[in-house]
Amino acid sequence: MKGILLKFVVIGLSLFVADWLLQSIHFADWKSIIIAAIVFGLINAFFKPILVILTLPITFLTLGLFLLVINIVLYWLTAEIVTGFEIDGWAGVIAGAVVTWVVSFILNKLIKK
């Protein structure tokens, strides 16, 4: 339970950093960041493994770069579901997904140490 809660906190912090760094990412308030973190975590837990398996040949041919496309689509889906989470255009979706991934990666590495 503690590990799951920590994952949601990491996702929430990474979404906050994306909002802070990028002008194309907008959250209405803290509540929408928390809801977006929960939704994004659940989408990643349930849909990402299925998408990774279904797109394994494409992922193999692109040497893993297609995983970024999957992350971008899941990030966009989260913004579509959560009220108060707005993204301006596909460039914002791509930048937001990359920033969120990088910050989550760094925070997860720091937590494991």
PDB file of N, CA and C in Angstrom:
ATOM      1  N   MET A   1       0.823  -1.193   0.000  1.00  0.00           N
ATOM      2  CA  MET A   1       0.000   0.000   0.000  1.00  0.00           C
ATOM      3  C   MET A   1       0.866   1.255   0.000  1.00  0.00           C
ATOM      4  N   LYS A   2       1.938   1.219   0.779  1.00  0.00           N
ATOM      5  CA  LYS A   2       2.843   2.362   0.871  1.00  0.00           C
ATOM      6  C   LYS A   2       3.512   2.642  -0.470  1.00  0.00           C
ATOM      7  N   GLY A   3       3.852   1.579  -1.198  1.00  0.00           N
ATOM      8  CA  GLY A   3       4.493   1.718  -2.499  1.00  0.00           C
ATOM      9  C   GLY A   3       3.567   2.332  -3.542  1.00  0.00           C
ATOM     10  N   ILE A   4       2.301   1.951  -3.494  1.00  0.00           N
ATOM     11  CA  ILE A   4       1.320   2.490  -4.443  1.00  0.00           C
ATOM     12  C   ILE A   4       1.099   3.969  -4.177  1.00  0.00           C
ATOM     13  N   LEU A   5       0.976   4.322  -2.903  1.00  0.00           N
ATOM     14  CA  LEU A   5       0.797   5.726  -2.547  1.00  0.00           C
ATOM     15  C   LEU A   5       2.001   6.554  -2.978  1.00  0.00           C
ATOM     16  N   LEU A   6       3.190   5.994  -2.811  1.00  0.00           N
ATOM     17  CA  LEU A   6       4.411   6.685  -3.228  1.00  0.00           C
ATOM     18  C   LEU A   6       4.442   6.893  -4.742  1.00  0.00           C
ATOM     19  N   LYS A   7       3.964   5.914  -5.501  1.00  0.00           N
ATOM     20  CA  LYS A   7       3.881   6.061  -6.964  1.00  0.00           C
ATOM     21  C   LYS A   7       2.966   7.218  -7.353  1.00  0.00           C
ATOM     22  N   PHE A   8       1.813   7.318  -6.693  1.00  0.00           N
ATOM     23  CA  PHE A   8       0.887   8.413  -6.989  1.00  0.00           C
ATOM     24  C   PHE A   8       1.491   9.769  -6.624  1.00  0.00           C
ATOM     25  N   VAL A   9       2.259   9.817  -5.536  1.00  0.00           N
ATOM     26  CA  VAL A   9       2.921  11.066  -5.147  1.00  0.00           C
ATOM     27  C   VAL A   9       3.962  11.456  -6.193  1.00  0.00           C
ATOM     28  N   VAL A  10       4.731  10.491  -6.668  1.00  0.00           N
ATOM     29  CA  VAL A  10       5.738  10.763  -7.708  1.00  0.00           C
ATOM     30  C   VAL A  10       5.069  11.264  -8.984  1.00  0.00           C
ATOM     31  N   ILE A  11       3.987  10.621  -9.382  1.00  0.00           N
ATOM     32  CA  ILE A  11       3.267  11.055 -10.587  1.00  0.00           C
ATOM     33  C   ILE A  11       2.702  12.457 -10.385  1.00  0.00           C
ATOM     34  N   GLY A  12       2.139  12.714  -9.215  1.00  0.00           N
ATOM     35  CA  GLY A  12       1.603  14.040  -8.925  1.00  0.00           C
ATOM     36  C   GLY A  12       2.674  15.114  -8.976  1.00  0.00           C
ATOM     37  N   LEU A  13       3.835  14.841  -8.396  1.00  0.00           N
ATOM     38  CA  LEU A  13       4.936  15.802  -8.451  1.00  0.00           C
ATOM     39  C   LEU A  13       5.420  16.024  -9.882  1.00  0.00           C
ATOM     40  N   SER A  14       5.474  14.960 -10.659  1.00  0.00           N
ATOM     41  CA  SER A  14       5.929  15.110 -12.042  1.00  0.00           C
ATOM     42  C   SER A  14       4.916  15.897 -12.876  1.00  0.00           C
ATOM     43  N   LEU A  15       3.632  15.720 -12.603  1.00  0.00           N
ATOM     44  CA  LEU A  15       2.614  16.519 -13.293  1.00  0.00           C
ATOM     45  C   LEU A  15       2.707  17.983 -12.881  1.00  0.00           C
ATOM     46  N   PHE A  16       2.979  18.230 -11.600  1.00  0.00           N
ATOM     47  CA  PHE A  16       3.147  19.605 -11.125  1.00  0.00           C
ATOM     48  C   PHE A  16       4.342  20.274 -11.812  1.00  0.00           C
ATOM     49  N   VAL A  17       5.449  19.547 -11.941  1.00  0.00           N
ATOM     50  CA  VAL A  17       6.632  20.100 -12.598  1.00  0.00           C
ATOM     51  C   VAL A  17       6.343  20.398 -14.069  1.00  0.00           C
ATOM     52  N   ALA A  18       5.613  19.506 -14.731  1.00  0.00           N
ATOM     53  CA  ALA A  18       5.245  19.748 -16.131  1.00  0.00           C
ATOM     54  C   ALA A  18       4.384  21.003 -16.240  1.00  0.00           C
ATOM     55  N   ASP A  19       3.454  21.180 -15.306  1.00  0.00           N
ATOM     56  CA  ASP A  19       2.614  22.385 -15.287  1.00  0.00           C
ATOM     57  C   ASP A  19       3.458  23.630 -15.048  1.00  0.00           C
ATOM     58  N   TRP A  20       4.422  23.523 -14.165  1.00  0.00           N
ATOM     59  CA  TRP A  20       5.280  24.653 -13.810  1.00  0.00           C
ATOM     60  C   TRP A  20       6.231  25.033 -14.953  1.00  0.00           C
ATOM     61  N   LEU A  21       6.766  24.029 -15.648  1.00  0.00           N
ATOM     62  CA  LEU A  21       7.751  24.285 -16.707  1.00  0.00           C
ATOM     63  C   LEU A  21       7.137  24.673 -18.046  1.00  0.00           C
ATOM     64  N   LEU A  22       6.000  24.100 -18.369  1.00  0.00           N
ATOM     65  CA  LEU A  22       5.432  24.251 -19.710  1.00  0.00           C
ATOM     66  C   LEU A  22       4.202  25.162 -19.691  1.00  0.00           C
ATOM     67  N   GLN A  23       4.152  26.082 -20.617  1.00  0.00           N
ATOM     68  CA  GLN A  23       3.008  26.974 -20.707  1.00  0.00           C
ATOM     69  C   GLN A  23       1.797  26.294 -21.348  1.00  0.00           C
ATOM     70  N   SER A  24       2.002  25.158 -21.972  1.00  0.00           N
ATOM     71  CA  SER A  24       0.896  24.466 -22.647  1.00  0.00           C
ATOM     72  C   SER A  24       0.149  23.493 -21.737  1.00  0.00           C
ATOM     73  N   ILE A  25       0.617  23.295 -20.508  1.00  0.00           N
ATOM     74  CA  ILE A  25      -0.026  22.406 -19.544  1.00  0.00           C
ATOM     75  C   ILE A  25      -0.685  23.273 -18.476  1.00  0.00           C
ATOM     76  N   HIS A  26      -1.972  23.030 -18.217  1.00  0.00           N
ATOM     77  CA  HIS A  26      -2.715  23.842 -17.254  1.00  0.00           C
ATOM     78  C   HIS A  26      -3.524  22.950 -16.320  1.00  0.00           C
ATOM     79  N   PHE A  27      -3.364  23.186 -15.040  1.00  0.00           N
ATOM     80  CA  PHE A  27      -4.202  22.546 -14.025  1.00  0.00           C
ATOM     81  C   PHE A  27      -5.010  23.627 -13.333  1.00  0.00           C
ATOM     82  N   ALA A  28      -6.271  23.340 -13.074  1.00  0.00           N
ATOM     83  CA  ALA A  28      -7.150  24.316 -12.439  1.00  0.00           C
ATOM     84  C   ALA A  28      -6.744  24.562 -10.984  1.00  0.00           C
ATOM     85  N   ASP A  29      -6.386  23.484 -10.273  1.00  0.00           N
ATOM     86  CA  ASP A  29      -6.014  23.599  -8.865  1.00  0.00           C
ATOM     87  C   ASP A  29      -5.296  22.324  -8.434  1.00  0.00           C
ATOM     88  N   TRP A  30      -4.978  22.253  -7.143  1.00  0.00           N
ATOM     89  CA  TRP A  30      -4.291  21.080  -6.608  1.00  0.00           C
ATOM     90  C   TRP A  30      -5.150  19.827  -6.699  1.00  0.00           C
ATOM     91  N   LYS A  31      -6.443  20.005  -6.555  1.00  0.00           N
ATOM     92  CA  LYS A  31      -7.350  18.864  -6.622  1.00  0.00           C
ATOM     93  C   LYS A  31      -7.258  18.181  -7.985  1.00  0.00           C
ATOM     94  N   SER A  32      -7.183  18.970  -9.037  1.00  0.00           N
ATOM     95  CA  SER A  32      -7.099  18.372 -10.373  1.00  0.00           C
ATOM     96  C   SER A  32      -5.753  17.679 -10.586  1.00  0.00           C
ATOM     97  N   ILE A  33      -4.687  18.168  -9.960  1.00  0.00           N
ATOM     98  CA  ILE A  33      -3.386  17.484 -10.053  1.00  0.00           C
ATOM     99  C   ILE A  33      -3.468  16.128  -9.352  1.00  0.00           C
ATOM    100  N   ILE A  34      -4.094  16.103  -8.185  1.00  0.00           N
ATOM    101  CA  ILE A  34      -4.215  14.848  -7.443  1.00  0.00           C
ATOM    102  C   ILE A  34      -5.067  13.846  -8.220  1.00  0.00           C
ATOM    103  N   ILE A  35      -6.180  14.302  -8.761  1.00  0.00           N
ATOM    104  CA  ILE A  35      -7.049  13.413  -9.543  1.00  0.00           C
ATOM    105  C   ILE A  35      -6.319  12.926 -10.797  1.00  0.00           C
ATOM    106  N   ALA A  36      -5.595  13.833 -11.464  1.00  0.00           N
ATOM    107  CA  ALA A  36      -4.846  13.445 -12.663  1.00  0.00           C
ATOM    108  C   ALA A  36      -3.762  12.421 -12.324  1.00  0.00           C
ATOM    109  N   ALA A  37      -3.110  12.568 -11.173  1.00  0.00           N
ATOM    110  CA  ALA A  37      -2.084  11.605 -10.766  1.00  0.00           C
ATOM    111  C   ALA A  37      -2.693  10.225 -10.545  1.00  0.00           C
ATOM    112  N   ILE A  38      -3.861  10.190  -9.915  1.00  0.00           N
ATOM    113  CA  ILE A  38      -4.524   8.908  -9.675  1.00  0.00           C
ATOM    114  C   ILE A  38      -4.972   8.282 -10.995  1.00  0.00           C
ATOM    115  N   VAL A  39      -5.592   9.088 -11.856  1.00  0.00           N
ATOM    116  CA  VAL A  39      -6.065   8.569 -13.145  1.00  0.00           C
ATOM    117  C   VAL A  39      -4.893   8.106 -14.007  1.00  0.00           C
ATOM    118  N   PHE A  40      -3.822   8.921 -14.080  1.00  0.00           N
ATOM    119  CA  PHE A  40      -2.661   8.553 -14.891  1.00  0.00           C
ATOM    120  C   PHE A  40      -2.004   7.276 -14.359  1.00  0.00           C
ATOM    121  N   GLY A  41      -1.921   7.150 -13.038  1.00  0.00           N
ATOM    122  CA  GLY A  41      -1.360   5.936 -12.445  1.00  0.00           C
ATOM    123  C   GLY A  41      -2.193   4.706 -12.758  1.00  0.00           C
ATOM    124  N   LEU A  42      -3.513   4.843 -12.666  1.00  0.00           N
ATOM    125  CA  LEU A  42      -4.386   3.710 -12.959  1.00  0.00           C
ATOM    126  C   LEU A  42      -4.367   3.341 -14.437  1.00  0.00           C
ATOM    127  N   ILE A  43      -4.347   4.355 -15.307  1.00  0.00           N
ATOM    128  CA  ILE A  43      -4.269   4.083 -16.746  1.00  0.00           C
ATOM    129  C   ILE A  43      -2.968   3.367 -17.075  1.00  0.00           C
ATOM    130  N   ASN A  44      -1.869   3.831 -16.478  1.00  0.00           N
ATOM    131  CA  ASN A  44      -0.580   3.174 -16.718  1.00  0.00           C
ATOM    132  C   ASN A  44      -0.570   1.748 -16.184  1.00  0.00           C
ATOM    133  N   ALA A  45      -1.235   1.523 -15.057  1.00  0.00           N
ATOM    134  CA  ALA A  45      -1.243   0.179 -14.467  1.00  0.00           C
ATOM    135  C   ALA A  45      -2.076  -0.806 -15.271  1.00  0.00           C
ATOM    136  N   PHE A  46      -3.198  -0.336 -15.828  1.00  0.00           N
ATOM    137  CA  PHE A  46      -4.107  -1.268 -16.498  1.00  0.00           C
ATOM    138  C   PHE A  46      -3.940  -1.322 -18.016  1.00  0.00           C
ATOM    139  N   PHE A  47      -3.782  -0.178 -18.651  1.00  0.00           N
ATOM    140  CA  PHE A  47      -3.772  -0.148 -20.121  1.00  0.00           C
ATOM    141  C   PHE A  47      -2.379  -0.246 -20.736  1.00  0.00           C
ATOM    142  N   LYS A  48      -1.375   0.289 -20.058  1.00  0.00           N
ATOM    143  CA  LYS A  48      -0.037   0.288 -20.649  1.00  0.00           C
ATOM    144  C   LYS A  48       0.493  -1.125 -20.909  1.00  0.00           C
ATOM    145  N   PRO A  49       0.369  -2.068 -19.979  1.00  0.00           N
ATOM    146  CA  PRO A  49       0.868  -3.418 -20.279  1.00  0.00           C
ATOM    147  C   PRO A  49       0.186  -4.055 -21.490  1.00  0.00           C
ATOM    148  N   ILE A  50      -1.106  -3.812 -21.630  1.00  0.00           N
ATOM    149  CA  ILE A  50      -1.832  -4.361 -22.776  1.00  0.00           C
ATOM    150  C   ILE A  50      -1.332  -3.742 -24.075  1.00  0.00           C
ATOM    151  N   LEU A  51      -1.177  -2.415 -24.069  1.00  0.00           N
ATOM    152  CA  LEU A  51      -0.682  -1.727 -25.266  1.00  0.00           C
ATOM    153  C   LEU A  51       0.740  -2.128 -25.610  1.00  0.00           C
ATOM    154  N   VAL A  52       1.569  -2.327 -24.603  1.00  0.00           N
ATOM    155  CA  VAL A  52       2.956  -2.742 -24.858  1.00  0.00           C
ATOM    156  C   VAL A  52       2.988  -4.116 -25.518  1.00  0.00           C
ATOM    157  N   ILE A  53       2.174  -5.021 -25.039  1.00  0.00           N
ATOM    158  CA  ILE A  53       2.134  -6.362 -25.634  1.00  0.00           C
ATOM    159  C   ILE A  53       1.588  -6.311 -27.063  1.00  0.00           C
ATOM    160  N   LEU A  54       0.517  -5.548 -27.266  1.00  0.00           N
ATOM    161  CA  LEU A  54      -0.084  -5.466 -28.603  1.00  0.00           C
ATOM    162  C   LEU A  54       0.838  -4.805 -29.631  1.00  0.00           C
ATOM    163  N   THR A  55       1.672  -3.885 -29.176  1.00  0.00           N
ATOM    164  CA  THR A  55       2.549  -3.158 -30.103  1.00  0.00           C
ATOM    165  C   THR A  55       3.995  -3.645 -30.033  1.00  0.00           C
ATOM    166  N   LEU A  56       4.201  -4.831 -29.505  1.00  0.00           N
ATOM    167  CA  LEU A  56       5.560  -5.361 -29.363  1.00  0.00           C
ATOM    168  C   LEU A  56       6.353  -5.399 -30.674  1.00  0.00           C
ATOM    169  N   PRO A  57       5.758  -5.825 -31.789  1.00  0.00           N
ATOM    170  CA  PRO A  57       6.547  -5.814 -33.035  1.00  0.00           C
ATOM    171  C   PRO A  57       7.002  -4.408 -33.455  1.00  0.00           C
ATOM    172  N   ILE A  58       6.111  -3.420 -33.316  1.00  0.00           N
ATOM    173  CA  ILE A  58       6.477  -2.043 -33.676  1.00  0.00           C
ATOM    174  C   ILE A  58       7.540  -1.522 -32.712  1.00  0.00           C
ATOM    175  N   THR A  59       7.372  -1.834 -31.437  1.00  0.00           N
ATOM    176  CA  THR A  59       8.346  -1.407 -30.431  1.00  0.00           C
ATOM    177  C   THR A  59       9.715  -2.027 -30.725  1.00  0.00           C
ATOM    178  N   PHE A  60       9.727  -3.278 -31.116  1.00  0.00           N
ATOM    179  CA  PHE A  60      10.974  -3.956 -31.449  1.00  0.00           C
ATOM    180  C   PHE A  60      11.637  -3.309 -32.664  1.00  0.00           C
ATOM    181  N   LEU A  61      10.848  -3.013 -33.703  1.00  0.00           N
ATOM    182  CA  LEU A  61      11.400  -2.409 -34.922  1.00  0.00           C
ATOM    183  C   LEU A  61      11.935  -0.991 -34.685  1.00  0.00           C
ATOM    184  N   THR A  62      11.324  -0.263 -33.749  1.00  0.00           N
ATOM    185  CA  THR A  62      11.769   1.113 -33.474  1.00  0.00           C
ATOM    186  C   THR A  62      12.760   1.168 -32.315  1.00  0.00           C
ATOM    187  N   LEU A  63      13.233   0.005 -31.899  1.00  0.00           N
ATOM    188  CA  LEU A  63      14.208  -0.104 -30.810  1.00  0.00           C
ATOM    189  C   LEU A  63      13.701   0.535 -29.518  1.00  0.00           C
ATOM    190  N   GLY A  64      12.420   0.386 -29.266  1.00  0.00           N
ATOM    191  CA  GLY A  64      11.816   0.864 -28.027  1.00  0.00           C
ATOM    192  C   GLY A  64      11.250   2.267 -28.074  1.00  0.00           C
ATOM    193  N   LEU A  65      11.472   2.992 -29.153  1.00  0.00           N
ATOM    194  CA  LEU A  65      10.983   4.370 -29.229  1.00  0.00           C
ATOM    195  C   LEU A  65       9.457   4.452 -29.291  1.00  0.00           C
ATOM    196  N   PHE A  66       8.810   3.393 -29.710  1.00  0.00           N
ATOM    197  CA  PHE A  66       7.354   3.412 -29.767  1.00  0.00           C
ATOM    198  C   PHE A  66       6.744   3.471 -28.371  1.00  0.00           C
ATOM    199  N   LEU A  67       7.499   3.099 -27.353  1.00  0.00           N
ATOM    200  CA  LEU A  67       7.006   3.227 -25.981  1.00  0.00           C
ATOM    201  C   LEU A  67       6.723   4.689 -25.638  1.00  0.00           C
ATOM    202  N   LEU A  68       7.478   5.597 -26.237  1.00  0.00           N
ATOM    203  CA  LEU A  68       7.215   7.021 -26.037  1.00  0.00           C
ATOM    204  C   LEU A  68       5.857   7.397 -26.621  1.00  0.00           C
ATOM    205  N   VAL A  69       5.516   6.839 -27.756  1.00  0.00           N
ATOM    206  CA  VAL A  69       4.207   7.095 -28.367  1.00  0.00           C
ATOM    207  C   VAL A  69       3.097   6.595 -27.450  1.00  0.00           C
ATOM    208  N   ILE A  70       3.284   5.438 -26.855  1.00  0.00           N
ATOM    209  CA  ILE A  70       2.293   4.901 -25.925  1.00  0.00           C
ATOM    210  C   ILE A  70       2.128   5.845 -24.733  1.00  0.00           C
ATOM    211  N   ASN A  71       3.239   6.321 -24.178  1.00  0.00           N
ATOM    212  CA  ASN A  71       3.174   7.257 -23.055  1.00  0.00           C
ATOM    213  C   ASN A  71       2.459   8.544 -23.436  1.00  0.00           C
ATOM    214  N   ILE A  72       2.709   9.039 -24.632  1.00  0.00           N
ATOM    215  CA  ILE A  72       2.059  10.261 -25.097  1.00  0.00           C
ATOM    216  C   ILE A  72       0.555  10.059 -25.204  1.00  0.00           C
ATOM    217  N   VAL A  73       0.136   8.936 -25.757  1.00  0.00           N
ATOM    218  CA  VAL A  73      -1.293   8.651 -25.899  1.00  0.00           C
ATOM    219  C   VAL A  73      -1.966   8.518 -24.532  1.00  0.00           C
ATOM    220  N   LEU A  74      -1.311   7.855 -23.585  1.00  0.00           N
ATOM    221  CA  LEU A  74      -1.880   7.704 -22.247  1.00  0.00           C
ATOM    222  C   LEU A  74      -1.939   9.039 -21.514  1.00  0.00           C
ATOM    223  N   TYR A  75      -0.961   9.906 -21.737  1.00  0.00           N
ATOM    224  CA  TYR A  75      -0.955  11.245 -21.149  1.00  0.00           C
ATOM    225  C   TYR A  75      -2.121  12.063 -21.698  1.00  0.00           C
ATOM    226  N   TRP A  76      -2.327  11.984 -23.010  1.00  0.00           N
ATOM    227  CA  TRP A  76      -3.441  12.691 -23.645  1.00  0.00           C
ATOM    228  C   TRP A  76      -4.774  12.156 -23.125  1.00  0.00           C
ATOM    229  N   LEU A  77      -4.891  10.837 -22.983  1.00  0.00           N
ATOM    230  CA  LEU A  77      -6.111  10.229 -22.478  1.00  0.00           C
ATOM    231  C   LEU A  77      -6.417  10.719 -21.060  1.00  0.00           C
ATOM    232  N   THR A  78      -5.404  10.849 -20.242  1.00  0.00           N
ATOM    233  CA  THR A  78      -5.584  11.379 -18.890  1.00  0.00           C
ATOM    234  C   THR A  78      -6.129  12.796 -18.928  1.00  0.00           C
ATOM    235  N   ALA A  79      -5.581  13.618 -19.806  1.00  0.00           N
ATOM    236  CA  ALA A  79      -6.056  15.004 -19.923  1.00  0.00           C
ATOM    237  C   ALA A  79      -7.497  15.052 -20.419  1.00  0.00           C
ATOM    238  N   GLU A  80      -7.889  14.112 -21.250  1.00  0.00           N
ATOM    239  CA  GLU A  80      -9.263  14.072 -21.737  1.00  0.00           C
ATOM    240  C   GLU A  80     -10.243  13.645 -20.644  1.00  0.00           C
ATOM    241  N   ILE A  81      -9.805  12.799 -19.743  1.00  0.00           N
ATOM    242  CA  ILE A  81     -10.673  12.272 -18.695  1.00  0.00           C
ATOM    243  C   ILE A  81     -10.822  13.261 -17.536  1.00  0.00           C
ATOM    244  N   VAL A  82      -9.724  13.881 -17.125  1.00  0.00           N
ATOM    245  CA  VAL A  82      -9.713  14.696 -15.910  1.00  0.00           C
ATOM    246  C   VAL A  82     -10.173  16.123 -16.207  1.00  0.00           C
ATOM    247  N   THR A  83     -11.200  16.549 -15.501  1.00  0.00           N
ATOM    248  CA  THR A  83     -11.663  17.932 -15.590  1.00  0.00           C
ATOM    249  C   THR A  83     -10.669  18.813 -14.836  1.00  0.00           C
ATOM    250  N   GLY A  84     -10.261  19.903 -15.447  1.00  0.00           N
ATOM    251  CA  GLY A  84      -9.287  20.797 -14.829  1.00  0.00           C
ATOM    252  C   GLY A  84      -7.866  20.552 -15.286  1.00  0.00           C
ATOM    253  N   PHE A  85      -7.669  19.590 -16.186  1.00  0.00           N
ATOM    254  CA  PHE A  85      -6.353  19.292 -16.756  1.00  0.00           C
ATOM    255  C   PHE A  85      -6.450  19.585 -18.250  1.00  0.00           C
ATOM    256  N   GLU A  86      -5.850  20.691 -18.649  1.00  0.00           N
ATOM    257  CA  GLU A  86      -5.923  21.139 -20.041  1.00  0.00           C
ATOM    258  C   GLU A  86      -4.532  21.137 -20.672  1.00  0.00           C
ATOM    259  N   ILE A  87      -4.484  20.729 -21.932  1.00  0.00           N
ATOM    260  CA  ILE A  87      -3.234  20.749 -22.696  1.00  0.00           C
ATOM    261  C   ILE A  87      -3.507  21.466 -24.006  1.00  0.00           C
ATOM    262  N   ASP A  88      -2.640  22.409 -24.347  1.00  0.00           N
ATOM    263  CA  ASP A  88      -2.775  23.174 -25.586  1.00  0.00           C
ATOM    264  C   ASP A  88      -2.030  22.481 -26.721  1.00  0.00           C
ATOM    265  N   GLY A  89      -2.736  21.712 -27.531  1.00  0.00           N
ATOM    266  CA  GLY A  89      -2.169  21.116 -28.741  1.00  0.00           C
ATOM    267  C   GLY A  89      -1.316  19.887 -28.497  1.00  0.00           C
ATOM    268  N   TRP A  90      -0.975  19.242 -29.612  1.00  0.00           N
ATOM    269  CA  TRP A  90      -0.185  18.009 -29.544  1.00  0.00           C
ATOM    270  C   TRP A  90       1.248  18.255 -29.125  1.00  0.00           C
ATOM    271  N   ALA A  91       1.782  19.431 -29.445  1.00  0.00           N
ATOM    272  CA  ALA A  91       3.145  19.743 -28.984  1.00  0.00           C
ATOM    273  C   ALA A  91       3.173  19.777 -27.455  1.00  0.00           C
ATOM    274  N   GLY A  92       2.111  20.301 -26.860  1.00  0.00           N
ATOM    275  CA  GLY A  92       2.015  20.316 -25.408  1.00  0.00           C
ATOM    276  C   GLY A  92       1.881  18.927 -24.823  1.00  0.00           C
ATOM    277  N   VAL A  93       1.138  18.074 -25.509  1.00  0.00           N
ATOM    278  CA  VAL A  93       0.982  16.687 -25.055  1.00  0.00           C
ATOM    279  C   VAL A  93       2.332  15.979 -25.085  1.00  0.00           C
ATOM    280  N   ILE A  94       3.060  16.143 -26.179  1.00  0.00           N
ATOM    281  CA  ILE A  94       4.375  15.489 -26.310  1.00  0.00           C
ATOM    282  C   ILE A  94       5.343  16.017 -25.268  1.00  0.00           C
ATOM    283  N   ALA A  95       5.428  17.350 -25.132  1.00  0.00           N
ATOM    284  CA  ALA A  95       6.346  17.947 -24.155  1.00  0.00           C
ATOM    285  C   ALA A  95       5.951  17.551 -22.739  1.00  0.00           C
ATOM    286  N   GLY A  96       4.656  17.574 -22.446  1.00  0.00           N
ATOM    287  CA  GLY A  96       4.196  17.200 -21.112  1.00  0.00           C
ATOM    288  C   GLY A  96       4.502  15.749 -20.776  1.00  0.00           C
ATOM    289  N   ALA A  97       4.295  14.859 -21.730  1.00  0.00           N
ATOM    290  CA  ALA A  97       4.590  13.441 -21.501  1.00  0.00           C
ATOM    291  C   ALA A  97       6.079  13.220 -21.272  1.00  0.00           C
ATOM    292  N   VAL A  98       6.912  13.915 -22.031  1.00  0.00           N
ATOM    293  CA  VAL A  98       8.367  13.766 -21.871  1.00  0.00           C
ATOM    294  C   VAL A  98       8.823  14.318 -20.522  1.00  0.00           C
ATOM    295  N   VAL A  99       8.357  15.507 -20.163  1.00  0.00           N
ATOM    296  CA  VAL A  99       8.742  16.104 -18.875  1.00  0.00           C
ATOM    297  C   VAL A  99       8.264  15.228 -17.720  1.00  0.00           C
ATOM    298  N   THR A 100       7.023  14.757 -17.804  1.00  0.00           N
ATOM    299  CA  THR A 100       6.485  13.900 -16.749  1.00  0.00           C
ATOM    300  C   THR A 100       7.295  12.611 -16.634  1.00  0.00           C
ATOM    301  N   TRP A 101       7.660  12.035 -17.766  1.00  0.00           N
ATOM    302  CA  TRP A 101       8.458  10.801 -17.743  1.00  0.00           C
ATOM    303  C   TRP A 101       9.835  11.043 -17.134  1.00  0.00           C
ATOM    304  N   VAL A 102      10.496  12.122 -17.537  1.00  0.00           N
ATOM    305  CA  VAL A 102      11.851  12.410 -17.036  1.00  0.00           C
ATOM    306  C   VAL A 102      11.823  12.670 -15.533  1.00  0.00           C
ATOM    307  N   VAL A 103      10.894  13.494 -15.071  1.00  0.00           N
ATOM    308  CA  VAL A 103      10.816  13.805 -13.645  1.00  0.00           C
ATOM    309  C   VAL A 103      10.460  12.556 -12.844  1.00  0.00           C
ATOM    310  N   SER A 104       9.537  11.745 -13.330  1.00  0.00           N
ATOM    311  CA  SER A 104       9.179  10.495 -12.642  1.00  0.00           C
ATOM    312  C   SER A 104      10.380   9.560 -12.577  1.00  0.00           C
ATOM    313  N   PHE A 105      11.122   9.476 -13.658  1.00  0.00           N
ATOM    314  CA  PHE A 105      12.311   8.625 -13.700  1.00  0.00           C
ATOM    315  C   PHE A 105      13.329   9.070 -12.649  1.00  0.00           C
ATOM    316  N   ILE A 106      13.593  10.369 -12.592  1.00  0.00           N
ATOM    317  CA  ILE A 106      14.568  10.899 -11.630  1.00  0.00           C
ATOM    318  C   ILE A 106      14.094  10.680 -10.196  1.00  0.00           C
ATOM    319  N   LEU A 107      12.829  10.983  -9.927  1.00  0.00           N
ATOM    320  CA  LEU A 107      12.307  10.803  -8.573  1.00  0.00           C
ATOM    321  C   LEU A 107      12.316   9.336  -8.148  1.00  0.00           C
ATOM    322  N   ASN A 108      11.966   8.444  -9.058  1.00  0.00           N
ATOM    323  CA  ASN A 108      11.996   7.014  -8.726  1.00  0.00           C
ATOM    324  C   ASN A 108      13.419   6.535  -8.431  1.00  0.00           C
ATOM    325  N   LYS A 109      14.401   7.050  -9.171  1.00  0.00           N
ATOM    326  CA  LYS A 109      15.801   6.684  -8.904  1.00  0.00           C
ATOM    327  C   LYS A 109      16.262   7.213  -7.548  1.00  0.00           C
ATOM    328  N   LEU A 110      15.842   8.452  -7.203  1.00  0.00           N
ATOM    329  CA  LEU A 110      16.210   9.022  -5.916  1.00  0.00           C
ATOM    330  C   LEU A 110      15.560   8.275  -4.761  1.00  0.00           C
ATOM    331  N   ILE A 111      14.346   7.820  -4.957  1.00  0.00           N
ATOM    332  CA  ILE A 111      13.635   7.089  -3.899  1.00  0.00           C
ATOM    333  C   ILE A 111      14.278   5.733  -3.644  1.00  0.00           C
ATOM    334  N   LYS A 112      14.735   5.078  -4.695  1.00  0.00           N
ATOM    335  CA  LYS A 112      15.321   3.755  -4.543  1.00  0.00           C
ATOM    336  C   LYS A 112      16.687   3.788  -3.859  1.00  0.00           C
ATOM    337  N   LYS A 113      17.346   4.948  -3.860  1.00  0.00           N
ATOM    338  CA  LYS A 113      18.654   5.054  -3.196  1.00  0.00           C
ATOM    339  C   LYS A 113      18.523   5.217  -1.744  1.00  0.00           C
TER     340      LYS A 113
END
